[in-house]
Amino acid sequence: MYDSVVISAFWKIMSQLPSFILRRVFTKQDLANKIRIDVRPRHTAVQVVGQHLPNATVWLVIQNSGHFAVELDRLTAELNLAGCYVQLVHLERIPFKGGSQQELYLKTNLTLNQIEHYARHLTGDVSLSVHAEFNSVIHDFAVRTGNLTGIKPETPGVVAPSK
């Protein structure tokens, strides 16, 4: 218990230091390593609707496990629907305190051709890659997730064509 009080006090003192000193101690990569971005793990994290107004929705969880406040500046996500790539964009700034987490909702419209392609390849891989830009008093930095795989979207209204 004593250790956690000392560590907490240490980080409070560190956060009060001027940013030009913190820039020498913490690199952009140090800050980026403290940000976790993933698809929301419950219910309908990804949904592809293929009815009258086809669209794709994605719920992301963004976690700042660092000790410094950061701000999400912008985020782009690329959803791979079995070879059909769809881009989702978020342009609002969102502040994240140290140790906080928030969910982010992204939605985009799909064309009928994209839905038809996905319907023909419903058993194909679905993945998501995210590129996010963050601001902080120490550095501005980027976070890239690489391909988040194993996504099983809910697909109301998407019907595989009969053979």
N, C-alpha and C. Protein backbone atom coordinates (compact mmCIF):
# COMPACT_ATOMS: atom_id res chain seq x y z
N MET A 1 0.82 -1.18 0.00
CA MET A 1 0.00 0.00 0.00
C MET A 1 0.87 1.25 0.00
N TYR A 2 1.94 1.21 0.78
CA TYR A 2 2.85 2.35 0.85
C TYR A 2 3.46 2.63 -0.52
N ASP A 3 3.76 1.55 -1.26
CA ASP A 3 4.35 1.71 -2.60
C ASP A 3 3.42 2.46 -3.54
N SER A 4 2.14 2.13 -3.49
CA SER A 4 1.20 2.80 -4.41
C SER A 4 1.05 4.28 -4.07
N VAL A 5 1.14 4.64 -2.81
CA VAL A 5 1.06 6.05 -2.43
C VAL A 5 2.29 6.81 -2.93
N VAL A 6 3.46 6.18 -2.81
CA VAL A 6 4.69 6.81 -3.28
C VAL A 6 4.67 6.97 -4.80
N ILE A 7 4.21 5.94 -5.50
CA ILE A 7 4.15 6.01 -6.96
C ILE A 7 3.15 7.07 -7.41
N SER A 8 2.01 7.14 -6.75
CA SER A 8 1.01 8.15 -7.08
C SER A 8 1.56 9.57 -6.86
N ALA A 9 2.26 9.76 -5.76
CA ALA A 9 2.86 11.07 -5.48
C ALA A 9 3.93 11.41 -6.51
N PHE A 10 4.71 10.41 -6.92
CA PHE A 10 5.74 10.62 -7.94
C PHE A 10 5.12 11.12 -9.24
N TRP A 11 4.02 10.48 -9.70
CA TRP A 11 3.40 10.88 -10.95
C TRP A 11 2.73 12.24 -10.85
N LYS A 12 2.24 12.60 -9.67
CA LYS A 12 1.68 13.94 -9.49
C LYS A 12 2.78 14.99 -9.66
N ILE A 13 3.95 14.72 -9.09
CA ILE A 13 5.08 15.65 -9.22
C ILE A 13 5.54 15.71 -10.67
N MET A 14 5.61 14.55 -11.34
CA MET A 14 6.03 14.52 -12.75
C MET A 14 5.09 15.34 -13.63
N SER A 15 3.79 15.25 -13.37
CA SER A 15 2.83 15.97 -14.22
C SER A 15 2.92 17.48 -14.04
N GLN A 16 3.54 17.95 -12.97
CA GLN A 16 3.69 19.38 -12.73
C GLN A 16 4.94 19.97 -13.37
N LEU A 17 5.82 19.10 -13.87
CA LEU A 17 7.05 19.58 -14.51
C LEU A 17 6.72 20.28 -15.82
N PRO A 18 7.56 21.22 -16.23
CA PRO A 18 7.33 21.89 -17.52
C PRO A 18 7.45 20.90 -18.67
N SER A 19 6.71 21.16 -19.74
CA SER A 19 6.67 20.22 -20.86
C SER A 19 8.02 20.05 -21.54
N PHE A 20 8.89 21.07 -21.55
CA PHE A 20 10.18 20.90 -22.22
C PHE A 20 11.06 19.90 -21.46
N ILE A 21 10.87 19.74 -20.17
CA ILE A 21 11.60 18.72 -19.41
C ILE A 21 10.99 17.34 -19.68
N LEU A 22 9.68 17.27 -19.70
CA LEU A 22 9.00 15.99 -19.95
C LEU A 22 9.31 15.45 -21.34
N ARG A 23 9.50 16.35 -22.33
CA ARG A 23 9.84 15.91 -23.69
C ARG A 23 11.17 15.17 -23.73
N ARG A 24 12.08 15.53 -22.85
CA ARG A 24 13.39 14.86 -22.81
C ARG A 24 13.28 13.48 -22.16
N VAL A 25 12.32 13.30 -21.28
CA VAL A 25 12.17 12.04 -20.56
C VAL A 25 11.27 11.06 -21.32
N PHE A 26 10.17 11.57 -21.89
CA PHE A 26 9.19 10.72 -22.55
C PHE A 26 9.17 10.97 -24.04
N THR A 27 9.36 9.91 -24.82
CA THR A 27 9.34 10.02 -26.28
C THR A 27 7.90 9.87 -26.78
N LYS A 28 7.72 10.16 -28.07
CA LYS A 28 6.42 9.95 -28.70
C LYS A 28 6.01 8.48 -28.60
N GLN A 29 6.99 7.60 -28.77
CA GLN A 29 6.70 6.16 -28.71
C GLN A 29 6.28 5.74 -27.30
N ASP A 30 6.86 6.35 -26.27
CA ASP A 30 6.44 6.05 -24.89
C ASP A 30 4.97 6.39 -24.69
N LEU A 31 4.55 7.53 -25.20
CA LEU A 31 3.15 7.93 -25.07
C LEU A 31 2.25 7.03 -25.90
N ALA A 32 2.67 6.71 -27.13
CA ALA A 32 1.86 5.86 -28.00
C ALA A 32 1.69 4.46 -27.42
N ASN A 33 2.70 3.95 -26.74
CA ASN A 33 2.61 2.62 -26.15
C ASN A 33 1.60 2.54 -25.02
N LYS A 34 1.20 3.66 -24.47
CA LYS A 34 0.22 3.68 -23.37
C LYS A 34 -1.22 3.77 -23.86
N ILE A 35 -1.42 3.89 -25.18
CA ILE A 35 -2.77 3.98 -25.75
C ILE A 35 -3.14 2.62 -26.33
N ARG A 36 -4.30 2.11 -25.95
CA ARG A 36 -4.82 0.85 -26.47
C ARG A 36 -6.11 1.14 -27.22
N ILE A 37 -6.19 0.64 -28.45
CA ILE A 37 -7.40 0.79 -29.26
C ILE A 37 -7.82 -0.60 -29.70
N ASP A 38 -9.08 -0.94 -29.45
CA ASP A 38 -9.58 -2.25 -29.82
C ASP A 38 -11.08 -2.15 -30.11
N VAL A 39 -11.59 -3.20 -30.74
CA VAL A 39 -13.02 -3.28 -30.99
C VAL A 39 -13.70 -3.62 -29.66
N ARG A 40 -14.84 -3.01 -29.41
CA ARG A 40 -15.57 -3.26 -28.17
C ARG A 40 -15.86 -4.75 -28.05
N PRO A 41 -15.59 -5.36 -26.89
CA PRO A 41 -15.68 -6.82 -26.79
C PRO A 41 -17.07 -7.40 -26.55
N ARG A 42 -18.09 -6.61 -26.46
CA ARG A 42 -19.39 -7.19 -26.13
C ARG A 42 -20.47 -6.75 -27.12
N HIS A 43 -21.51 -7.53 -27.17
CA HIS A 43 -22.69 -7.27 -27.99
C HIS A 43 -22.31 -7.06 -29.46
N THR A 44 -22.78 -6.00 -30.08
CA THR A 44 -22.52 -5.80 -31.51
C THR A 44 -21.40 -4.78 -31.70
N ALA A 45 -20.18 -5.24 -31.63
CA ALA A 45 -19.03 -4.34 -31.80
C ALA A 45 -18.93 -3.87 -33.26
N VAL A 46 -19.26 -4.75 -34.19
CA VAL A 46 -19.26 -4.40 -35.62
C VAL A 46 -20.57 -4.91 -36.20
N GLN A 47 -21.22 -4.06 -36.96
CA GLN A 47 -22.49 -4.44 -37.58
C GLN A 47 -22.49 -3.96 -39.03
N VAL A 48 -22.89 -4.85 -39.94
CA VAL A 48 -23.04 -4.52 -41.36
C VAL A 48 -24.50 -4.73 -41.71
N VAL A 49 -25.21 -3.64 -42.02
CA VAL A 49 -26.63 -3.69 -42.34
C VAL A 49 -26.78 -3.62 -43.85
N GLY A 50 -27.55 -4.54 -44.41
CA GLY A 50 -27.68 -4.57 -45.86
C GLY A 50 -29.08 -4.36 -46.37
N GLN A 51 -29.92 -3.70 -45.60
CA GLN A 51 -31.29 -3.52 -46.04
C GLN A 51 -31.43 -2.26 -46.87
N HIS A 52 -32.41 -1.44 -46.62
CA HIS A 52 -32.73 -0.28 -47.45
C HIS A 52 -31.60 0.74 -47.50
N LEU A 53 -31.00 1.06 -46.38
CA LEU A 53 -29.88 2.00 -46.33
C LEU A 53 -28.67 1.26 -45.77
N PRO A 54 -27.89 0.60 -46.64
CA PRO A 54 -26.77 -0.20 -46.16
C PRO A 54 -25.73 0.65 -45.44
N ASN A 55 -25.25 0.14 -44.32
CA ASN A 55 -24.24 0.87 -43.56
C ASN A 55 -23.41 -0.10 -42.73
N ALA A 56 -22.30 0.41 -42.23
CA ALA A 56 -21.44 -0.35 -41.33
C ALA A 56 -21.20 0.49 -40.09
N THR A 57 -21.29 -0.12 -38.93
CA THR A 57 -21.00 0.56 -37.68
C THR A 57 -19.94 -0.21 -36.92
N VAL A 58 -19.09 0.54 -36.22
CA VAL A 58 -18.01 -0.05 -35.43
C VAL A 58 -17.96 0.67 -34.09
N TRP A 59 -17.87 -0.09 -33.01
CA TRP A 59 -17.66 0.46 -31.68
C TRP A 59 -16.23 0.17 -31.29
N LEU A 60 -15.48 1.21 -30.95
CA LEU A 60 -14.10 1.06 -30.51
C LEU A 60 -13.99 1.41 -29.03
N VAL A 61 -13.03 0.80 -28.37
CA VAL A 61 -12.68 1.18 -27.01
C VAL A 61 -11.27 1.75 -27.07
N ILE A 62 -11.11 2.97 -26.57
CA ILE A 62 -9.80 3.62 -26.53
C ILE A 62 -9.45 3.83 -25.07
N GLN A 63 -8.27 3.33 -24.69
CA GLN A 63 -7.84 3.40 -23.29
C GLN A 63 -6.49 4.10 -23.20
N ASN A 64 -6.42 5.09 -22.33
CA ASN A 64 -5.16 5.77 -22.03
C ASN A 64 -4.64 5.20 -20.72
N SER A 65 -3.71 4.26 -20.80
CA SER A 65 -3.18 3.65 -19.58
C SER A 65 -1.97 4.41 -19.05
N GLY A 66 -1.66 5.55 -19.65
CA GLY A 66 -0.56 6.39 -19.18
C GLY A 66 -1.00 7.29 -18.03
N HIS A 67 -0.06 8.09 -17.56
CA HIS A 67 -0.33 8.98 -16.43
C HIS A 67 -0.63 10.41 -16.86
N PHE A 68 -0.46 10.72 -18.14
CA PHE A 68 -0.65 12.08 -18.64
C PHE A 68 -1.93 12.17 -19.47
N ALA A 69 -2.58 13.31 -19.42
CA ALA A 69 -3.77 13.54 -20.22
C ALA A 69 -3.38 13.68 -21.68
N VAL A 70 -4.19 13.11 -22.55
CA VAL A 70 -4.00 13.24 -24.00
C VAL A 70 -5.35 13.58 -24.61
N GLU A 71 -5.31 14.00 -25.87
CA GLU A 71 -6.54 14.34 -26.58
C GLU A 71 -6.51 13.65 -27.94
N LEU A 72 -7.57 12.88 -28.22
CA LEU A 72 -7.72 12.30 -29.54
C LEU A 72 -8.06 13.43 -30.49
N ASP A 73 -7.23 13.64 -31.50
CA ASP A 73 -7.43 14.72 -32.46
C ASP A 73 -8.30 14.25 -33.62
N ARG A 74 -7.94 13.12 -34.21
CA ARG A 74 -8.71 12.55 -35.31
C ARG A 74 -8.38 11.06 -35.42
N LEU A 75 -9.29 10.34 -36.05
CA LEU A 75 -9.12 8.89 -36.16
C LEU A 75 -9.70 8.42 -37.48
N THR A 76 -8.99 7.56 -38.17
CA THR A 76 -9.52 6.90 -39.35
C THR A 76 -9.38 5.40 -39.15
N ALA A 77 -10.41 4.69 -39.55
CA ALA A 77 -10.40 3.23 -39.44
C ALA A 77 -10.72 2.66 -40.81
N GLU A 78 -10.08 1.56 -41.14
CA GLU A 78 -10.34 0.90 -42.41
C GLU A 78 -10.88 -0.49 -42.12
N LEU A 79 -12.13 -0.73 -42.49
CA LEU A 79 -12.81 -2.00 -42.27
C LEU A 79 -12.69 -2.84 -43.53
N ASN A 80 -12.12 -4.02 -43.39
CA ASN A 80 -11.95 -4.94 -44.51
C ASN A 80 -13.07 -5.97 -44.44
N LEU A 81 -14.03 -5.86 -45.34
CA LEU A 81 -15.15 -6.79 -45.40
C LEU A 81 -14.87 -7.81 -46.50
N ALA A 82 -14.06 -8.79 -46.20
CA ALA A 82 -13.72 -9.87 -47.14
C ALA A 82 -13.16 -9.31 -48.45
N GLY A 83 -12.27 -8.34 -48.36
CA GLY A 83 -11.63 -7.76 -49.53
C GLY A 83 -12.23 -6.45 -50.00
N CYS A 84 -13.33 -6.04 -49.45
CA CYS A 84 -13.96 -4.76 -49.76
C CYS A 84 -13.61 -3.80 -48.62
N TYR A 85 -12.84 -2.77 -48.92
CA TYR A 85 -12.37 -1.85 -47.87
C TYR A 85 -13.30 -0.66 -47.73
N VAL A 86 -13.64 -0.36 -46.48
CA VAL A 86 -14.54 0.75 -46.16
C VAL A 86 -13.82 1.63 -45.14
N GLN A 87 -13.85 2.94 -45.36
CA GLN A 87 -13.17 3.85 -44.44
C GLN A 87 -14.18 4.54 -43.54
N LEU A 88 -13.84 4.58 -42.23
CA LEU A 88 -14.65 5.27 -41.23
C LEU A 88 -13.79 6.36 -40.62
N VAL A 89 -14.37 7.54 -40.41
CA VAL A 89 -13.59 8.70 -39.96
C VAL A 89 -14.26 9.32 -38.75
N HIS A 90 -13.44 9.75 -37.79
CA HIS A 90 -13.92 10.51 -36.62
C HIS A 90 -13.04 11.76 -36.51
N LEU A 91 -13.66 12.95 -36.55
CA LEU A 91 -12.89 14.19 -36.55
C LEU A 91 -13.09 15.07 -35.32
N GLU A 92 -13.84 14.60 -34.34
CA GLU A 92 -14.05 15.39 -33.13
C GLU A 92 -12.93 15.12 -32.13
N ARG A 93 -12.55 16.14 -31.39
CA ARG A 93 -11.52 15.98 -30.37
C ARG A 93 -12.14 15.43 -29.09
N ILE A 94 -11.45 14.46 -28.51
CA ILE A 94 -11.94 13.84 -27.28
C ILE A 94 -10.79 13.82 -26.27
N PRO A 95 -10.97 14.43 -25.09
CA PRO A 95 -9.92 14.39 -24.07
C PRO A 95 -9.94 13.07 -23.30
N PHE A 96 -8.76 12.57 -22.95
CA PHE A 96 -8.60 11.37 -22.14
C PHE A 96 -7.69 11.69 -20.98
N LYS A 97 -8.20 11.58 -19.78
CA LYS A 97 -7.34 11.73 -18.61
C LYS A 97 -6.45 10.50 -18.49
N GLY A 98 -5.40 10.61 -17.71
CA GLY A 98 -4.56 9.45 -17.47
C GLY A 98 -5.36 8.35 -16.81
N GLY A 99 -5.22 7.12 -17.32
CA GLY A 99 -5.92 5.98 -16.75
C GLY A 99 -7.39 5.90 -17.12
N SER A 100 -7.84 6.63 -18.13
CA SER A 100 -9.26 6.61 -18.50
C SER A 100 -9.49 5.82 -19.77
N GLN A 101 -10.76 5.54 -20.02
CA GLN A 101 -11.17 4.76 -21.18
C GLN A 101 -12.50 5.28 -21.67
N GLN A 102 -12.69 5.29 -23.01
CA GLN A 102 -13.95 5.73 -23.59
C GLN A 102 -14.27 4.86 -24.79
N GLU A 103 -15.58 4.78 -25.09
CA GLU A 103 -16.02 4.08 -26.29
C GLU A 103 -16.29 5.11 -27.38
N LEU A 104 -16.01 4.71 -28.62
CA LEU A 104 -16.18 5.59 -29.76
C LEU A 104 -17.01 4.86 -30.81
N TYR A 105 -18.02 5.53 -31.32
CA TYR A 105 -18.96 4.97 -32.29
C TYR A 105 -18.64 5.54 -33.67
N LEU A 106 -18.41 4.67 -34.63
CA LEU A 106 -18.14 5.08 -36.01
C LEU A 106 -19.17 4.46 -36.94
N LYS A 107 -19.64 5.23 -37.91
CA LYS A 107 -20.65 4.72 -38.85
C LYS A 107 -20.38 5.29 -40.23
N THR A 108 -20.60 4.47 -41.25
CA THR A 108 -20.47 4.92 -42.63
C THR A 108 -21.50 4.22 -43.49
N ASN A 109 -21.89 4.87 -44.56
CA ASN A 109 -22.81 4.27 -45.52
C ASN A 109 -22.05 3.36 -46.47
N LEU A 110 -22.73 2.33 -46.94
CA LEU A 110 -22.15 1.40 -47.90
C LEU A 110 -22.94 1.47 -49.20
N THR A 111 -22.27 1.13 -50.29
CA THR A 111 -22.97 1.07 -51.57
C THR A 111 -23.59 -0.32 -51.73
N LEU A 112 -24.52 -0.43 -52.66
CA LEU A 112 -25.13 -1.74 -52.92
C LEU A 112 -24.09 -2.73 -53.44
N ASN A 113 -23.13 -2.24 -54.22
CA ASN A 113 -22.06 -3.12 -54.73
C ASN A 113 -21.22 -3.67 -53.58
N GLN A 114 -20.92 -2.85 -52.59
CA GLN A 114 -20.14 -3.33 -51.44
C GLN A 114 -20.92 -4.39 -50.67
N ILE A 115 -22.22 -4.18 -50.48
CA ILE A 115 -23.05 -5.17 -49.78
C ILE A 115 -23.12 -6.47 -50.58
N GLU A 116 -23.30 -6.37 -51.90
CA GLU A 116 -23.35 -7.57 -52.73
C GLU A 116 -22.04 -8.35 -52.66
N HIS A 117 -20.93 -7.64 -52.71
CA HIS A 117 -19.62 -8.31 -52.60
C HIS A 117 -19.50 -9.02 -51.26
N TYR A 118 -19.85 -8.32 -50.19
CA TYR A 118 -19.74 -8.92 -48.86
C TYR A 118 -20.69 -10.10 -48.71
N ALA A 119 -21.89 -10.01 -49.28
CA ALA A 119 -22.85 -11.11 -49.20
C ALA A 119 -22.31 -12.36 -49.90
N ARG A 120 -21.57 -12.18 -51.00
CA ARG A 120 -20.99 -13.33 -51.70
C ARG A 120 -19.83 -13.95 -50.92
N HIS A 121 -19.25 -13.21 -49.98
CA HIS A 121 -18.08 -13.68 -49.23
C HIS A 121 -18.31 -13.60 -47.72
N LEU A 122 -19.50 -13.98 -47.28
CA LEU A 122 -19.83 -13.85 -45.85
C LEU A 122 -18.88 -14.63 -44.95
N THR A 123 -18.29 -15.69 -45.44
CA THR A 123 -17.37 -16.47 -44.60
C THR A 123 -15.94 -15.92 -44.68
N GLY A 124 -15.72 -14.86 -45.46
CA GLY A 124 -14.39 -14.27 -45.59
C GLY A 124 -13.97 -13.52 -44.34
N ASP A 125 -12.69 -13.19 -44.33
CA ASP A 125 -12.13 -12.49 -43.17
C ASP A 125 -12.66 -11.06 -43.07
N VAL A 126 -12.88 -10.64 -41.84
CA VAL A 126 -13.23 -9.25 -41.54
C VAL A 126 -12.17 -8.74 -40.57
N SER A 127 -11.56 -7.63 -40.91
CA SER A 127 -10.54 -7.05 -40.02
C SER A 127 -10.69 -5.53 -40.02
N LEU A 128 -10.01 -4.92 -39.07
CA LEU A 128 -10.09 -3.47 -38.91
C LEU A 128 -8.69 -2.97 -38.58
N SER A 129 -8.30 -1.88 -39.21
CA SER A 129 -7.05 -1.22 -38.84
C SER A 129 -7.37 0.24 -38.53
N VAL A 130 -6.72 0.76 -37.49
CA VAL A 130 -7.03 2.10 -37.00
C VAL A 130 -5.76 2.95 -36.99
N HIS A 131 -5.90 4.19 -37.42
CA HIS A 131 -4.83 5.19 -37.33
C HIS A 131 -5.42 6.38 -36.57
N ALA A 132 -4.83 6.68 -35.41
CA ALA A 132 -5.34 7.77 -34.58
C ALA A 132 -4.22 8.76 -34.29
N GLU A 133 -4.57 10.04 -34.30
CA GLU A 133 -3.63 11.11 -33.97
C GLU A 133 -4.03 11.70 -32.62
N PHE A 134 -3.05 11.84 -31.73
CA PHE A 134 -3.29 12.36 -30.39
C PHE A 134 -2.44 13.60 -30.15
N ASN A 135 -2.93 14.49 -29.29
CA ASN A 135 -2.20 15.66 -28.83
C ASN A 135 -2.00 15.55 -27.32
N SER A 136 -0.89 16.09 -26.84
CA SER A 136 -0.66 16.21 -25.40
C SER A 136 0.30 17.38 -25.18
N VAL A 137 0.49 17.76 -23.94
CA VAL A 137 1.42 18.86 -23.66
C VAL A 137 2.86 18.43 -23.90
N ILE A 138 3.10 17.13 -23.92
CA ILE A 138 4.47 16.63 -24.10
C ILE A 138 4.79 16.50 -25.59
N HIS A 139 4.01 15.73 -26.32
CA HIS A 139 4.22 15.49 -27.76
C HIS A 139 2.88 15.30 -28.44
N ASP A 140 2.83 15.55 -29.74
CA ASP A 140 1.75 15.07 -30.59
C ASP A 140 2.25 13.74 -31.15
N PHE A 141 1.40 12.71 -31.18
CA PHE A 141 1.86 11.39 -31.60
C PHE A 141 0.74 10.63 -32.27
N ALA A 142 1.11 9.57 -32.98
CA ALA A 142 0.16 8.75 -33.70
C ALA A 142 0.16 7.33 -33.14
N VAL A 143 -1.00 6.68 -33.24
CA VAL A 143 -1.13 5.28 -32.84
C VAL A 143 -1.73 4.52 -34.01
N ARG A 144 -1.08 3.43 -34.39
CA ARG A 144 -1.58 2.54 -35.44
C ARG A 144 -1.77 1.16 -34.83
N THR A 145 -2.92 0.55 -35.09
CA THR A 145 -3.20 -0.73 -34.47
C THR A 145 -2.71 -1.93 -35.28
N GLY A 146 -2.47 -1.74 -36.55
CA GLY A 146 -2.26 -2.91 -37.39
C GLY A 146 -3.63 -3.54 -37.64
N ASN A 147 -3.67 -4.77 -38.12
CA ASN A 147 -4.95 -5.43 -38.40
C ASN A 147 -5.50 -6.07 -37.15
N LEU A 148 -6.69 -5.64 -36.74
CA LEU A 148 -7.42 -6.29 -35.65
C LEU A 148 -8.28 -7.37 -36.31
N THR A 149 -7.96 -8.63 -36.07
CA THR A 149 -8.64 -9.72 -36.77
C THR A 149 -9.59 -10.45 -35.82
N GLY A 150 -10.26 -11.45 -36.35
CA GLY A 150 -11.18 -12.24 -35.55
C GLY A 150 -12.51 -11.56 -35.32
N ILE A 151 -12.84 -10.58 -36.12
CA ILE A 151 -14.09 -9.84 -35.96
C ILE A 151 -15.21 -10.62 -36.63
N LYS A 152 -16.28 -10.83 -35.90
CA LYS A 152 -17.47 -11.51 -36.42
C LYS A 152 -18.63 -10.52 -36.39
N PRO A 153 -18.84 -9.78 -37.48
CA PRO A 153 -19.89 -8.76 -37.47
C PRO A 153 -21.29 -9.36 -37.49
N GLU A 154 -22.21 -8.63 -36.90
CA GLU A 154 -23.61 -8.94 -37.05
C GLU A 154 -24.03 -8.44 -38.42
N THR A 155 -24.86 -9.22 -39.15
CA THR A 155 -25.16 -8.86 -40.53
C THR A 155 -26.66 -8.91 -40.83
N PRO A 156 -27.48 -8.07 -40.19
CA PRO A 156 -28.90 -8.08 -40.52
C PRO A 156 -29.14 -7.57 -41.94
N GLY A 157 -29.93 -8.30 -42.68
CA GLY A 157 -30.28 -7.88 -44.04
C GLY A 157 -29.25 -8.25 -45.08
N VAL A 158 -28.12 -8.85 -44.70
CA VAL A 158 -27.12 -9.28 -45.67
C VAL A 158 -27.36 -10.77 -45.90
N VAL A 159 -27.79 -11.12 -47.11
CA VAL A 159 -28.15 -12.50 -47.42
C VAL A 159 -27.25 -12.97 -48.54
N ALA A 160 -26.65 -14.13 -48.33
CA ALA A 160 -25.81 -14.73 -49.37
C ALA A 160 -26.68 -15.09 -50.57
N PRO A 161 -26.20 -14.81 -51.79
CA PRO A 161 -27.01 -15.13 -52.98
C PRO A 161 -27.16 -16.64 -53.14
N SER A 162 -28.31 -17.07 -53.63
CA SER A 162 -28.54 -18.51 -53.87
C SER A 162 -27.78 -18.93 -55.12
N LYS A 163 -27.30 -20.14 -55.08
CA LYS A 163 -26.47 -20.63 -56.20
C LYS A 163 -27.27 -21.37 -57.21
